Amino acid sequence: MTVRPIRFFGDPVLRSPTDPIEPTSERARVIVEDLIDTVKLPGRAGVAANQIGVGYRIFVYNIDGAIGYLINPTMVDVSGEPEPMTEGCLSVPDFSFPRLRYPRATARGFQLDGTEIEVSGEGLLAQALQHELDHLDGLLYVEGLEPDLKKDALRQIRDTDWFKSTQPTRV
């Protein structure tokens, strides 16, 4: 079990849709354990596998100390009127922006023993389910920002030292 480093905006793995994995495999178990160790650090509500450089459909969440995970998740339902929620991301550190999210969400996936489960929630859990599933589809939360805000947000992100350090050196 290991706390894995988070990949930052600009890393191609974050833009790539993830692949399904056999839930009962040893590989799935190791990824889930690493994700759980990684999400336990303070201030973390969720981590998707591609955020640690692994291209499989697994994410974990940590909402009010309740840690859970889904393997090969799909969104079953979102409901309510989308509302603005302040959102941040470990892959876009030091930023948060208002983003429309549904107030209720239900996702379905598998556990390591192969059982299928549904996770439903409101508020922060609903937001985390939507955010992490977006990651697994190769989308970052800044993609869903209002167009003018997105343009400004991307400009701010490109000006950070961490973003500049992740870019290939141009000759």
C-alpha atoms as a PDB file:
ATOM      1  CA  MET A   1       0.000   0.000   0.000  1.00  0.00           C
ATOM      2  CA  THR A   2       1.322   3.359  -1.045  1.00  0.00           C
ATOM      3  CA  VAL A   3       0.377   7.020  -1.195  1.00  0.00           C
ATOM      4  CA  ARG A   4       0.812   7.756  -4.878  1.00  0.00           C
ATOM      5  CA  PRO A   5       1.709  11.158  -6.371  1.00  0.00           C
ATOM      6  CA  ILE A   6      -1.097  13.001  -8.126  1.00  0.00           C
ATOM      7  CA  ARG A   7      -0.750  13.783 -11.833  1.00  0.00           C
ATOM      8  CA  PHE A   8      -1.325  17.435 -12.752  1.00  0.00           C
ATOM      9  CA  PHE A   9      -3.317  19.183 -15.460  1.00  0.00           C
ATOM     10  CA  GLY A  10      -1.364  18.820 -18.696  1.00  0.00           C
ATOM     11  CA  ASP A  11      -0.491  15.150 -18.131  1.00  0.00           C
ATOM     12  CA  PRO A  12      -1.982  13.162 -21.048  1.00  0.00           C
ATOM     13  CA  VAL A  13      -3.182  10.354 -18.745  1.00  0.00           C
ATOM     14  CA  LEU A  14      -5.802  12.759 -17.358  1.00  0.00           C
ATOM     15  CA  ARG A  15      -7.299  13.276 -20.827  1.00  0.00           C
ATOM     16  CA  SER A  16      -7.496   9.577 -21.661  1.00  0.00           C
ATOM     17  CA  PRO A  17     -10.655   7.574 -20.952  1.00  0.00           C
ATOM     18  CA  THR A  18      -9.890   4.670 -18.638  1.00  0.00           C
ATOM     19  CA  ASP A  19     -10.343   0.963 -19.322  1.00  0.00           C
ATOM     20  CA  PRO A  20     -12.438  -1.561 -17.378  1.00  0.00           C
ATOM     21  CA  ILE A  21     -10.614  -3.957 -15.077  1.00  0.00           C
ATOM     22  CA  GLU A  22     -11.561  -7.336 -13.612  1.00  0.00           C
ATOM     23  CA  PRO A  23     -12.843  -6.356 -10.125  1.00  0.00           C
ATOM     24  CA  THR A  24     -11.561  -9.501  -8.416  1.00  0.00           C
ATOM     25  CA  SER A  25      -8.043  -9.273  -9.894  1.00  0.00           C
ATOM     26  CA  GLU A  26      -4.900  -8.728  -7.867  1.00  0.00           C
ATOM     27  CA  ARG A  27      -4.190  -5.623  -9.976  1.00  0.00           C
ATOM     28  CA  ALA A  28      -7.562  -4.123  -8.963  1.00  0.00           C
ATOM     29  CA  ARG A  29      -6.841  -4.869  -5.292  1.00  0.00           C
ATOM     30  CA  VAL A  30      -3.459  -3.110  -5.405  1.00  0.00           C
ATOM     31  CA  ILE A  31      -4.921  -0.065  -7.195  1.00  0.00           C
ATOM     32  CA  VAL A  32      -7.811   0.209  -4.701  1.00  0.00           C
ATOM     33  CA  GLU A  33      -5.398  -0.029  -1.747  1.00  0.00           C
ATOM     34  CA  ASP A  34      -3.118   2.655  -3.224  1.00  0.00           C
ATOM     35  CA  LEU A  35      -6.094   4.908  -3.990  1.00  0.00           C
ATOM     36  CA  ILE A  36      -7.428   4.523  -0.442  1.00  0.00           C
ATOM     37  CA  ASP A  37      -4.023   5.385   1.027  1.00  0.00           C
ATOM     38  CA  THR A  38      -3.839   8.382  -1.315  1.00  0.00           C
ATOM     39  CA  VAL A  39      -7.329   9.723  -0.554  1.00  0.00           C
ATOM     40  CA  LYS A  40      -6.803   9.510   3.228  1.00  0.00           C
ATOM     41  CA  LEU A  41      -4.547  12.578   3.206  1.00  0.00           C
ATOM     42  CA  PRO A  42      -6.282  15.707   4.574  1.00  0.00           C
ATOM     43  CA  GLY A  43      -8.426  17.714   2.189  1.00  0.00           C
ATOM     44  CA  ARG A  44      -9.109  14.912  -0.273  1.00  0.00           C
ATOM     45  CA  ALA A  45     -12.684  14.007  -1.217  1.00  0.00           C
ATOM     46  CA  GLY A  46     -11.847  11.627  -4.056  1.00  0.00           C
ATOM     47  CA  VAL A  47      -9.132  10.241  -6.307  1.00  0.00           C
ATOM     48  CA  ALA A  48      -9.539   8.520  -9.662  1.00  0.00           C
ATOM     49  CA  ALA A  49      -7.022   5.929 -10.869  1.00  0.00           C
ATOM     50  CA  ASN A  50      -5.839   8.057 -13.777  1.00  0.00           C
ATOM     51  CA  GLN A  51      -4.929  10.809 -11.297  1.00  0.00           C
ATOM     52  CA  ILE A  52      -2.210   8.452 -10.036  1.00  0.00           C
ATOM     53  CA  GLY A  53      -1.222   7.475 -13.570  1.00  0.00           C
ATOM     54  CA  VAL A  54      -3.239   4.249 -13.819  1.00  0.00           C
ATOM     55  CA  GLY A  55      -5.623   3.914 -16.767  1.00  0.00           C
ATOM     56  CA  TYR A  56      -8.316   1.734 -15.160  1.00  0.00           C
ATOM     57  CA  ARG A  57     -11.902   2.587 -14.178  1.00  0.00           C
ATOM     58  CA  ILE A  58     -11.551   2.818 -10.402  1.00  0.00           C
ATOM     59  CA  PHE A  59     -12.099   5.692  -8.019  1.00  0.00           C
ATOM     60  CA  VAL A  60     -12.276   6.192  -4.273  1.00  0.00           C
ATOM     61  CA  TYR A  61     -14.084   8.809  -2.235  1.00  0.00           C
ATOM     62  CA  ASN A  62     -13.602  10.172   1.262  1.00  0.00           C
ATOM     63  CA  ILE A  63     -16.653  12.139   2.365  1.00  0.00           C
ATOM     64  CA  ASP A  64     -16.800  13.142   6.020  1.00  0.00           C
ATOM     65  CA  GLY A  65     -14.422  10.295   6.882  1.00  0.00           C
ATOM     66  CA  ALA A  66     -16.476   7.649   5.048  1.00  0.00           C
ATOM     67  CA  ILE A  67     -14.169   6.015   2.499  1.00  0.00           C
ATOM     68  CA  GLY A  68     -15.513   3.911  -0.330  1.00  0.00           C
ATOM     69  CA  TYR A  69     -14.620   2.876  -3.844  1.00  0.00           C
ATOM     70  CA  LEU A  70     -16.166   1.746  -7.104  1.00  0.00           C
ATOM     71  CA  ILE A  71     -14.585  -0.415  -9.782  1.00  0.00           C
ATOM     72  CA  ASN A  72     -15.884  -0.032 -13.357  1.00  0.00           C
ATOM     73  CA  PRO A  73     -18.440   2.574 -12.241  1.00  0.00           C
ATOM     74  CA  THR A  74     -21.232   4.031 -14.306  1.00  0.00           C
ATOM     75  CA  MET A  75     -23.589   6.866 -13.476  1.00  0.00           C
ATOM     76  CA  VAL A  76     -27.069   5.471 -12.907  1.00  0.00           C
ATOM     77  CA  ASP A  77     -28.918   8.693 -12.166  1.00  0.00           C
ATOM     78  CA  VAL A  78     -28.494  12.382 -11.499  1.00  0.00           C
ATOM     79  CA  SER A  79     -31.407  14.490 -10.353  1.00  0.00           C
ATOM     80  CA  GLY A  80     -32.483  17.935  -9.308  1.00  0.00           C
ATOM     81  CA  GLU A  81     -31.723  21.225 -10.982  1.00  0.00           C
ATOM     82  CA  PRO A  82     -28.002  21.662 -11.592  1.00  0.00           C
ATOM     83  CA  GLU A  83     -26.627  24.202  -9.143  1.00  0.00           C
ATOM     84  CA  PRO A  84     -23.334  26.030  -8.839  1.00  0.00           C
ATOM     85  CA  MET A  85     -20.935  24.305  -6.454  1.00  0.00           C
ATOM     86  CA  THR A  86     -17.428  25.438  -5.649  1.00  0.00           C
ATOM     87  CA  GLU A  87     -15.171  22.728  -6.986  1.00  0.00           C
ATOM     88  CA  GLY A  88     -11.470  22.027  -6.899  1.00  0.00           C
ATOM     89  CA  CYS A  89      -9.282  19.158  -8.009  1.00  0.00           C
ATOM     90  CA  LEU A  90      -6.055  17.587  -6.826  1.00  0.00           C
ATOM     91  CA  SER A  91      -4.877  17.603 -10.447  1.00  0.00           C
ATOM     92  CA  VAL A  92      -5.437  21.369 -10.622  1.00  0.00           C
ATOM     93  CA  PRO A  93      -3.945  22.376  -7.246  1.00  0.00           C
ATOM     94  CA  ASP A  94      -4.612  25.702  -5.533  1.00  0.00           C
ATOM     95  CA  PHE A  95      -7.685  26.529  -7.616  1.00  0.00           C
ATOM     96  CA  SER A  96     -11.418  26.248  -7.158  1.00  0.00           C
ATOM     97  CA  PHE A  97     -14.148  27.515  -9.420  1.00  0.00           C
ATOM     98  CA  PRO A  98     -17.962  27.472  -9.441  1.00  0.00           C
ATOM     99  CA  ARG A  99     -19.242  24.607 -11.552  1.00  0.00           C
ATOM    100  CA  LEU A 100     -22.776  23.370 -12.183  1.00  0.00           C
ATOM    101  CA  ARG A 101     -23.441  19.924 -10.712  1.00  0.00           C
ATOM    102  CA  TYR A 102     -26.585  17.953 -10.003  1.00  0.00           C
ATOM    103  CA  PRO A 103     -27.449  17.954  -6.288  1.00  0.00           C
ATOM    104  CA  ARG A 104     -28.152  14.195  -6.220  1.00  0.00           C
ATOM    105  CA  ALA A 105     -26.334  11.333  -7.935  1.00  0.00           C
ATOM    106  CA  THR A 106     -26.241   7.539  -7.965  1.00  0.00           C
ATOM    107  CA  ALA A 107     -23.369   5.505  -9.379  1.00  0.00           C
ATOM    108  CA  ARG A 108     -23.095   1.736  -9.766  1.00  0.00           C
ATOM    109  CA  GLY A 109     -19.928  -0.333  -9.755  1.00  0.00           C
ATOM    110  CA  PHE A 110     -18.198  -3.328  -8.266  1.00  0.00           C
ATOM    111  CA  GLN A 111     -16.306  -4.191  -5.102  1.00  0.00           C
ATOM    112  CA  LEU A 112     -13.163  -6.316  -4.927  1.00  0.00           C
ATOM    113  CA  ASP A 113     -15.190  -9.442  -4.142  1.00  0.00           C
ATOM    114  CA  GLY A 114     -17.139  -8.991  -7.387  1.00  0.00           C
ATOM    115  CA  THR A 115     -20.384  -7.776  -5.820  1.00  0.00           C
ATOM    116  CA  GLU A 116     -22.199  -4.970  -7.575  1.00  0.00           C
ATOM    117  CA  ILE A 117     -23.215  -1.974  -5.449  1.00  0.00           C
ATOM    118  CA  GLU A 118     -24.842   1.418  -5.850  1.00  0.00           C
ATOM    119  CA  VAL A 119     -23.676   4.549  -4.085  1.00  0.00           C
ATOM    120  CA  SER A 120     -26.162   7.407  -3.811  1.00  0.00           C
ATOM    121  CA  GLY A 121     -25.683  10.783  -2.270  1.00  0.00           C
ATOM    122  CA  GLU A 122     -26.508  14.435  -2.118  1.00  0.00           C
ATOM    123  CA  GLY A 123     -24.322  17.492  -1.864  1.00  0.00           C
ATOM    124  CA  LEU A 124     -20.619  16.732  -1.591  1.00  0.00           C
ATOM    125  CA  LEU A 125     -20.995  12.989  -2.249  1.00  0.00           C
ATOM    126  CA  ALA A 126     -23.078  13.662  -5.368  1.00  0.00           C
ATOM    127  CA  GLN A 127     -20.483  16.179  -6.511  1.00  0.00           C
ATOM    128  CA  ALA A 128     -17.633  13.712  -5.872  1.00  0.00           C
ATOM    129  CA  LEU A 129     -19.375  10.924  -7.806  1.00  0.00           C
ATOM    130  CA  GLN A 130     -19.840  13.212 -10.813  1.00  0.00           C
ATOM    131  CA  HIS A 131     -16.304  14.625 -10.565  1.00  0.00           C
ATOM    132  CA  GLU A 132     -14.564  11.237 -10.291  1.00  0.00           C
ATOM    133  CA  LEU A 133     -16.617   9.663 -13.094  1.00  0.00           C
ATOM    134  CA  ASP A 134     -15.650  12.618 -15.284  1.00  0.00           C
ATOM    135  CA  HIS A 135     -11.995  11.838 -14.504  1.00  0.00           C
ATOM    136  CA  LEU A 136     -12.459   8.227 -15.590  1.00  0.00           C
ATOM    137  CA  ASP A 137     -13.898   9.508 -18.877  1.00  0.00           C
ATOM    138  CA  GLY A 138     -10.835  11.715 -19.419  1.00  0.00           C
ATOM    139  CA  LEU A 139     -12.503  14.991 -18.414  1.00  0.00           C
ATOM    140  CA  LEU A 140     -11.312  17.573 -15.913  1.00  0.00           C
ATOM    141  CA  TYR A 141     -13.788  19.735 -14.022  1.00  0.00           C
ATOM    142  CA  VAL A 142     -12.560  22.903 -15.735  1.00  0.00           C
ATOM    143  CA  GLU A 143     -14.098  21.553 -18.969  1.00  0.00           C
ATOM    144  CA  GLY A 144     -17.565  22.181 -17.521  1.00  0.00           C
ATOM    145  CA  LEU A 145     -16.989  25.773 -16.465  1.00  0.00           C
ATOM    146  CA  GLU A 146     -18.971  28.616 -18.003  1.00  0.00           C
ATOM    147  CA  PRO A 147     -17.069  29.625 -21.200  1.00  0.00           C
ATOM    148  CA  ASP A 148     -15.672  32.994 -20.035  1.00  0.00           C
ATOM    149  CA  LEU A 149     -14.714  31.561 -16.647  1.00  0.00           C
ATOM    150  CA  LYS A 150     -13.105  28.541 -18.333  1.00  0.00           C
ATOM    151  CA  LYS A 151     -10.982  30.805 -20.537  1.00  0.00           C
ATOM    152  CA  ASP A 152      -9.815  32.811 -17.497  1.00  0.00           C
ATOM    153  CA  ALA A 153      -9.263  29.647 -15.418  1.00  0.00           C
ATOM    154  CA  LEU A 154      -7.108  28.035 -18.112  1.00  0.00           C
ATOM    155  CA  ARG A 155      -5.047  31.218 -18.385  1.00  0.00           C
ATOM    156  CA  GLN A 156      -4.489  31.226 -14.610  1.00  0.00           C
ATOM    157  CA  ILE A 157      -3.547  27.524 -14.627  1.00  0.00           C
ATOM    158  CA  ARG A 158      -1.049  27.957 -17.482  1.00  0.00           C
ATOM    159  CA  ASP A 159       0.664  30.717 -15.473  1.00  0.00           C
ATOM    160  CA  THR A 160       1.415  28.472 -12.472  1.00  0.00           C
ATOM    161  CA  ASP A 161       4.869  27.117 -11.766  1.00  0.00           C
ATOM    162  CA  TRP A 162       3.537  23.557 -11.362  1.00  0.00           C
ATOM    163  CA  PHE A 163       1.919  23.677 -14.814  1.00  0.00           C
ATOM    164  CA  LYS A 164       5.042  25.097 -16.450  1.00  0.00           C
ATOM    165  CA  SER A 165       7.140  22.377 -14.822  1.00  0.00           C
ATOM    166  CA  THR A 166       4.951  19.613 -16.302  1.00  0.00           C
ATOM    167  CA  GLN A 167       5.315  20.823 -19.878  1.00  0.00           C
ATOM    168  CA  PRO A 168       7.929  19.410 -22.239  1.00  0.00           C
ATOM    169  CA  THR A 169      10.936  21.615 -22.850  1.00  0.00           C
ATOM    170  CA  ARG A 170      10.726  23.274 -26.233  1.00  0.00           C
ATOM    171  CA  VAL A 171      13.890  23.672 -28.272  1.00  0.00           C
END
